[in-house]
Amino acid sequence: MDVGRGGAPELVEDPAVGRPDKAARAAIARRRSDAIDLRLAGVDWLTIARKLAADPAANSDGIAYPQGYGIERYRKNQDPPSDEALIHAACRDVRTALADRRAELNDDVDELRALEADRLDRLFFVAYKKAVRDQDLAAIDRTLRIMERRARLLGLDMPVRTELSGPDGGAVQIENVTADELDALIALTDPAAE
């Protein structure tokens, strides 16, 4: 890592790959984390952008933030980006970081789902052996409950399709009804209401 203008660390791209090197990627991840932390604390976009700007002239702390917003312009000794460009960069950073976090959470959920499925499989085999070998009704019931839980966990059950139709399968007519008419309708459709 070289030291650039104003004593700021200069992080370079890996020429073989054409993307930031490991140190630059780490600095970008840190910047994104800082942007999210500031946004969660209720800080406005412009303040976030200025706090994380690369050029000390634009940075609210007067420092060169490593891999900060406008780093390319800063390296080329150009004027710092406009406030609008800084805000756009901060918003993009937060969106990217949140999308990355969501992807990580989804990966974690998939791993947990697979772990739970493995646990259910182990329990199933124990209960299944007892159900088949001993013809134990409690073990059969337990086996079925494990199968149901596994199907729910993995989304194997078909969704229940419910359709409401009027007379002769036609459209349901919606109109104002009295409480007595509503009670009569409930009595017709709900056997438990009797």
Protein backbone atom coordinates (compact mmCIF):
# COMPACT_ATOMS: atom_id res chain seq x y z
CA MET A 1 0.00 0.00 0.00
CA ASP A 2 1.48 3.36 -1.05
CA VAL A 3 0.87 6.73 0.52
CA GLY A 4 -0.91 9.14 -1.83
CA ARG A 5 -1.62 12.88 -1.74
CA GLY A 6 -2.08 14.32 1.75
CA GLY A 7 -0.72 11.21 3.47
CA ALA A 8 -3.81 9.14 2.57
CA PRO A 9 -3.13 5.47 1.95
CA GLU A 10 -3.33 4.77 -1.74
CA LEU A 11 -5.01 1.46 -2.45
CA VAL A 12 -4.36 0.14 -5.91
CA GLU A 13 -6.20 -2.13 -8.27
CA ASP A 14 -4.78 -5.53 -9.03
CA PRO A 15 -3.73 -5.14 -12.68
CA ALA A 16 -4.20 -8.84 -13.40
CA VAL A 17 -7.84 -8.79 -12.33
CA GLY A 18 -8.88 -5.17 -12.97
CA ARG A 19 -10.61 -4.81 -9.64
CA PRO A 20 -9.56 -3.48 -6.25
CA ASP A 21 -6.93 -5.51 -4.42
CA LYS A 22 -7.62 -7.19 -1.08
CA ALA A 23 -6.73 -4.12 0.98
CA ALA A 24 -8.95 -1.89 -1.16
CA ARG A 25 -11.86 -4.33 -0.91
CA ALA A 26 -11.45 -4.38 2.88
CA ALA A 27 -11.44 -0.56 2.97
CA ILE A 28 -14.55 -0.42 0.78
CA ALA A 29 -16.32 -2.92 3.05
CA ARG A 30 -15.36 -0.78 6.06
CA ARG A 31 -16.68 2.36 4.31
CA ARG A 32 -19.97 0.63 3.54
CA SER A 33 -20.26 -0.58 7.12
CA ASP A 34 -19.59 2.96 8.38
CA ALA A 35 -22.22 4.32 5.97
CA ILE A 36 -24.83 1.88 7.26
CA ASP A 37 -23.96 2.65 10.89
CA LEU A 38 -24.30 6.37 10.27
CA ARG A 39 -27.60 5.94 8.41
CA LEU A 40 -29.00 3.74 11.19
CA ALA A 41 -28.02 6.47 13.65
CA GLY A 42 -30.27 8.85 11.69
CA VAL A 43 -27.51 10.83 9.98
CA ASP A 44 -28.58 12.54 6.74
CA TRP A 45 -27.11 11.50 3.38
CA LEU A 46 -24.96 14.59 2.83
CA THR A 47 -23.34 14.31 6.24
CA ILE A 48 -22.61 10.61 5.62
CA ALA A 49 -21.15 11.41 2.23
CA ARG A 50 -18.92 14.18 3.57
CA LYS A 51 -17.74 12.10 6.53
CA LEU A 52 -16.71 9.29 4.17
CA ALA A 53 -15.21 11.46 1.40
CA ALA A 54 -11.68 10.73 0.22
CA ASP A 55 -10.63 14.35 -0.29
CA PRO A 56 -9.86 16.23 2.94
CA ALA A 57 -11.31 19.36 1.29
CA ALA A 58 -14.72 17.63 1.10
CA ASN A 59 -14.40 15.45 4.21
CA SER A 60 -16.22 16.89 7.22
CA ASP A 61 -13.39 15.72 9.51
CA GLY A 62 -10.74 17.20 7.22
CA ILE A 63 -9.09 13.81 6.64
CA ALA A 64 -8.61 11.58 3.64
CA TYR A 65 -10.97 8.65 4.28
CA PRO A 66 -9.37 5.47 2.80
CA GLN A 67 -11.26 4.40 -0.34
CA GLY A 68 -13.68 7.24 0.42
CA TYR A 69 -16.15 8.75 -1.98
CA GLY A 70 -14.40 10.50 -4.86
CA ILE A 71 -11.14 8.58 -4.43
CA GLU A 72 -10.53 8.53 -8.20
CA ARG A 73 -10.81 12.32 -8.46
CA TYR A 74 -8.63 12.74 -5.37
CA ARG A 75 -5.89 10.54 -6.82
CA LYS A 76 -5.91 12.60 -10.02
CA ASN A 77 -5.66 15.88 -8.03
CA GLN A 78 -9.08 16.98 -9.35
CA ASP A 79 -11.70 18.95 -7.47
CA PRO A 80 -13.81 16.90 -5.06
CA PRO A 81 -17.15 15.55 -6.31
CA SER A 82 -20.28 17.67 -5.97
CA ASP A 83 -22.56 17.20 -2.98
CA GLU A 84 -25.06 15.49 -5.28
CA ALA A 85 -22.43 13.01 -6.48
CA LEU A 86 -21.32 12.34 -2.90
CA ILE A 87 -24.92 11.72 -1.81
CA HIS A 88 -25.46 9.39 -4.78
CA ALA A 89 -22.33 7.43 -3.82
CA ALA A 90 -23.42 7.14 -0.17
CA CYS A 91 -26.90 5.94 -1.15
CA ARG A 92 -25.43 3.40 -3.57
CA ASP A 93 -23.05 2.16 -0.85
CA VAL A 94 -25.85 1.64 1.67
CA ARG A 95 -28.05 -0.15 -0.90
CA THR A 96 -25.16 -2.41 -1.92
CA ALA A 97 -24.20 -3.19 1.67
CA LEU A 98 -27.80 -3.98 2.65
CA ALA A 99 -28.20 -6.24 -0.39
CA ASP A 100 -25.00 -8.06 0.61
CA ARG A 101 -26.29 -8.48 4.17
CA ARG A 102 -29.62 -9.84 2.88
CA ALA A 103 -27.77 -12.34 0.70
CA GLU A 104 -25.70 -13.46 3.70
CA LEU A 105 -28.84 -13.85 5.80
CA ASN A 106 -30.49 -15.89 3.06
CA ASP A 107 -27.42 -18.13 2.90
CA ASP A 108 -27.57 -18.55 6.69
CA VAL A 109 -31.27 -19.41 6.52
CA ASP A 110 -30.61 -22.01 3.82
CA GLU A 111 -27.86 -23.55 5.97
CA LEU A 112 -30.16 -23.66 9.01
CA ARG A 113 -32.96 -25.16 6.93
CA ALA A 114 -30.61 -27.91 5.70
CA LEU A 115 -29.43 -28.55 9.27
CA GLU A 116 -33.01 -28.83 10.52
CA ALA A 117 -33.88 -31.17 7.65
CA ASP A 118 -30.94 -33.40 8.62
CA ARG A 119 -32.09 -33.43 12.25
CA LEU A 120 -35.62 -34.33 11.19
CA ASP A 121 -34.26 -37.11 8.97
CA ARG A 122 -32.39 -38.63 11.91
CA LEU A 123 -35.46 -38.46 14.13
CA PHE A 124 -37.58 -39.86 11.32
CA PHE A 125 -35.38 -42.94 10.88
CA VAL A 126 -35.52 -43.74 14.61
CA ALA A 127 -39.31 -43.38 14.74
CA TYR A 128 -39.76 -45.18 11.41
CA LYS A 129 -37.77 -48.22 12.54
CA LYS A 130 -39.86 -48.48 15.71
CA ALA A 131 -43.12 -47.96 13.78
CA VAL A 132 -42.32 -50.66 11.22
CA ARG A 133 -40.56 -53.14 13.50
CA ASP A 134 -42.91 -52.95 16.48
CA GLN A 135 -46.00 -51.68 14.66
CA ASP A 136 -46.25 -49.18 17.48
CA LEU A 137 -49.13 -46.75 16.85
CA ALA A 138 -47.46 -43.97 18.85
CA ALA A 139 -44.30 -44.38 16.74
CA ILE A 140 -46.41 -44.32 13.57
CA ASP A 141 -48.05 -41.09 14.75
CA ARG A 142 -44.63 -39.60 15.60
CA THR A 143 -43.29 -40.61 12.16
CA LEU A 144 -46.20 -38.87 10.46
CA ARG A 145 -45.68 -35.72 12.55
CA ILE A 146 -41.98 -35.63 11.61
CA MET A 147 -42.92 -36.09 7.94
CA GLU A 148 -45.42 -33.22 8.18
CA ARG A 149 -42.87 -30.94 9.85
CA ARG A 150 -40.23 -31.77 7.23
CA ALA A 151 -42.70 -31.10 4.39
CA ARG A 152 -43.58 -27.69 5.91
CA LEU A 153 -39.89 -26.84 6.44
CA LEU A 154 -38.97 -27.66 2.85
CA GLY A 155 -42.16 -26.29 1.30
CA LEU A 156 -43.20 -29.67 -0.09
CA ASP A 157 -46.90 -29.32 0.64
CA MET A 158 -49.05 -28.00 -2.17
CA PRO A 159 -50.78 -24.76 -1.27
CA VAL A 160 -54.44 -25.15 -0.43
CA ARG A 161 -56.56 -23.55 -3.10
CA THR A 162 -59.69 -21.90 -1.82
CA GLU A 163 -62.31 -20.55 -4.14
CA LEU A 164 -65.46 -18.76 -3.18
CA SER A 165 -68.27 -18.85 -5.71
CA GLY A 166 -71.88 -17.85 -5.88
CA PRO A 167 -74.92 -19.84 -7.00
CA ASP A 168 -74.19 -22.38 -9.77
CA GLY A 169 -70.46 -21.56 -9.56
CA GLY A 170 -70.97 -17.97 -10.65
CA ALA A 171 -69.58 -14.81 -9.17
CA VAL A 172 -70.37 -13.89 -5.58
CA GLN A 173 -72.72 -10.94 -5.36
CA ILE A 174 -71.76 -8.52 -2.63
CA GLU A 175 -74.55 -6.49 -1.14
CA ASN A 176 -75.66 -5.07 2.16
CA VAL A 177 -77.07 -7.72 4.47
CA THR A 178 -78.67 -7.65 7.84
CA ALA A 179 -77.22 -9.41 10.86
CA ASP A 180 -79.98 -12.06 10.66
CA GLU A 181 -79.14 -12.77 7.01
CA LEU A 182 -75.45 -13.03 7.88
CA ASP A 183 -76.20 -15.47 10.72
CA ALA A 184 -78.31 -17.59 8.35
CA LEU A 185 -75.46 -17.65 5.80
CA ILE A 186 -72.96 -18.68 8.46
CA ALA A 187 -75.29 -21.44 9.64
CA LEU A 188 -75.46 -22.78 6.07
CA THR A 189 -71.72 -22.82 5.50
CA ASP A 190 -70.27 -23.61 8.95
CA PRO A 191 -71.33 -26.94 10.44
CA ALA A 192 -69.86 -25.95 13.82
CA ALA A 193 -72.20 -22.95 14.01
CA GLU A 194 -75.23 -25.18 14.51
